[in-house]
Protein backbone atom coordinates (compact mmCIF):
# COMPACT_ATOMS: atom_id res chain seq x y z
CA MET A 1 0.01 -0.04 0.01
CA PHE A 2 1.42 3.38 -0.97
CA ALA A 3 1.36 6.36 1.43
CA GLY A 4 -0.63 8.34 -1.12
CA ASP A 5 -3.42 5.76 -0.99
CA GLU A 6 -3.59 6.25 2.78
CA VAL A 7 -3.68 9.99 2.43
CA MET A 8 -6.51 9.67 -0.11
CA LYS A 9 -8.40 7.27 2.14
CA GLY A 10 -7.92 9.62 5.10
CA SER A 11 -9.17 12.55 3.08
CA LEU A 12 -12.25 10.54 2.05
CA ALA A 13 -12.89 9.45 5.68
CA SER A 14 -12.57 13.02 6.95
CA TYR A 15 -15.00 14.33 4.30
CA THR A 16 -17.48 11.58 5.12
CA PHE A 17 -17.19 12.13 8.85
CA GLU A 18 -17.78 15.87 8.48
CA HIS A 19 -21.01 15.12 6.74
CA MET A 20 -21.99 12.64 9.43
CA GLU A 21 -21.35 15.44 12.06
CA ILE A 22 -23.41 17.94 10.01
CA ALA A 23 -26.39 15.56 9.93
CA SER A 24 -25.95 14.89 13.63
CA TYR A 25 -25.97 18.58 14.51
CA LYS A 26 -29.00 19.18 12.33
CA MET A 27 -30.83 16.41 14.24
CA LEU A 28 -29.75 17.84 17.58
CA ILE A 29 -30.91 21.38 16.60
CA ALA A 30 -34.33 19.96 15.70
CA ALA A 31 -34.57 17.97 18.90
CA ALA A 32 -33.43 20.96 21.05
CA GLY A 33 -36.00 23.11 19.25
CA GLU A 34 -38.76 20.57 19.89
CA VAL A 35 -38.09 20.48 23.66
CA GLY A 36 -37.45 24.29 23.92
CA ASP A 37 -33.77 24.09 24.87
CA ALA A 38 -32.52 27.32 23.27
CA GLU A 39 -29.04 27.05 24.69
CA VAL A 40 -28.38 23.60 23.28
CA GLN A 41 -29.86 24.71 19.98
CA ARG A 42 -27.66 27.75 19.90
CA VAL A 43 -24.43 25.80 20.72
CA CYS A 44 -25.33 23.14 18.14
CA GLU A 45 -25.95 25.85 15.45
CA GLU A 46 -22.49 27.26 16.18
CA ASN A 47 -20.88 23.85 15.85
CA LEU A 48 -22.89 23.17 12.76
CA ARG A 49 -21.44 26.30 11.13
CA GLU A 50 -17.88 25.13 11.98
CA GLU A 51 -18.56 21.62 10.60
CA VAL A 52 -19.97 23.03 7.32
CA ALA A 53 -16.90 25.24 6.96
CA MET A 54 -14.56 22.29 7.42
CA ALA A 55 -16.57 20.13 4.99
CA ASP A 56 -16.42 22.96 2.42
CA TRP A 57 -12.63 23.30 2.96
CA LEU A 58 -12.14 19.55 2.57
CA GLU A 59 -14.29 19.48 -0.56
CA ASN A 60 -12.19 22.26 -2.08
CA LYS A 61 -9.01 20.26 -1.31
CA LEU A 62 -10.02 16.79 -2.43
CA GLY A 63 -9.11 17.27 -6.08
CA THR A 64 -5.81 18.93 -5.29
CA VAL A 65 -4.83 16.12 -2.89
CA THR A 66 -5.76 13.47 -5.41
CA THR A 67 -3.93 14.97 -8.37
CA SER A 68 -0.88 15.96 -6.36
CA LEU A 69 -0.51 12.43 -4.87
CA ARG A 70 -1.17 10.86 -8.13
CA ARG A 71 1.62 12.80 -9.81
CA LYS A 72 4.08 11.86 -7.12
CA SER A 73 3.16 8.15 -7.12
CA PRO A 74 5.05 5.68 -9.33
CA ARG A 75 1.66 4.11 -9.88
CA GLY A 76 0.29 7.50 -10.88
CA SER A 77 1.54 7.07 -14.40
CA ARG A 78 -1.00 6.93 -17.21
CA ASP A 79 -1.65 3.28 -16.85
CA GLY A 80 -5.38 3.57 -15.98
CA ARG A 81 -5.19 1.67 -12.80
CA LEU A 82 -7.22 4.12 -10.82
CA ALA A 83 -10.10 4.07 -13.32
CA GLY A 84 -9.93 0.33 -13.65
CA LYS A 85 -10.16 -0.12 -9.93
CA GLN A 86 -13.22 2.19 -9.72
CA ALA A 87 -14.89 0.35 -12.52
CA ARG A 88 -14.32 -3.06 -10.86
CA HIS A 89 -15.84 -1.88 -7.64
CA GLY A 90 -18.78 -0.24 -9.30
CA HIS A 91 -17.89 3.35 -8.28
CA HIS A 92 -18.78 6.14 -10.74
CA ARG A 93 -17.79 4.38 -13.85
CA VAL A 94 -15.25 6.20 -15.97
CA PRO A 95 -16.06 6.25 -19.75
CA GLU A 96 -13.69 4.00 -21.77
CA THR A 97 -12.33 7.01 -23.61
CA ARG A 98 -11.10 8.50 -20.36
CA ARG A 99 -9.66 5.40 -18.77
CA ALA A 100 -6.55 5.29 -20.95
CA GLY A 101 -5.87 8.93 -19.95
CA CYS A 102 -5.94 8.41 -16.23
């Protein structure tokens, strides 16, 4: 396993976790509103803004991290391994015309 693979997996996990936190805070805000706990609602709304900001930051960095690591990796050559792996696992299939260029 290459270090770049681990960085990409870590980036994906972080992005996913931020969205889980966003959903959790939205649920807590709704629950706090339902029971009339304005203080918990206010704190959760502050935390939600921070989580949304972090998710946006990560989203803006995902492409840069991917291309940067791919360029540094010996496997990052134009051999199409990344696209082939995605296609085998059923993830967002890459058109055949693009696979050779990966």
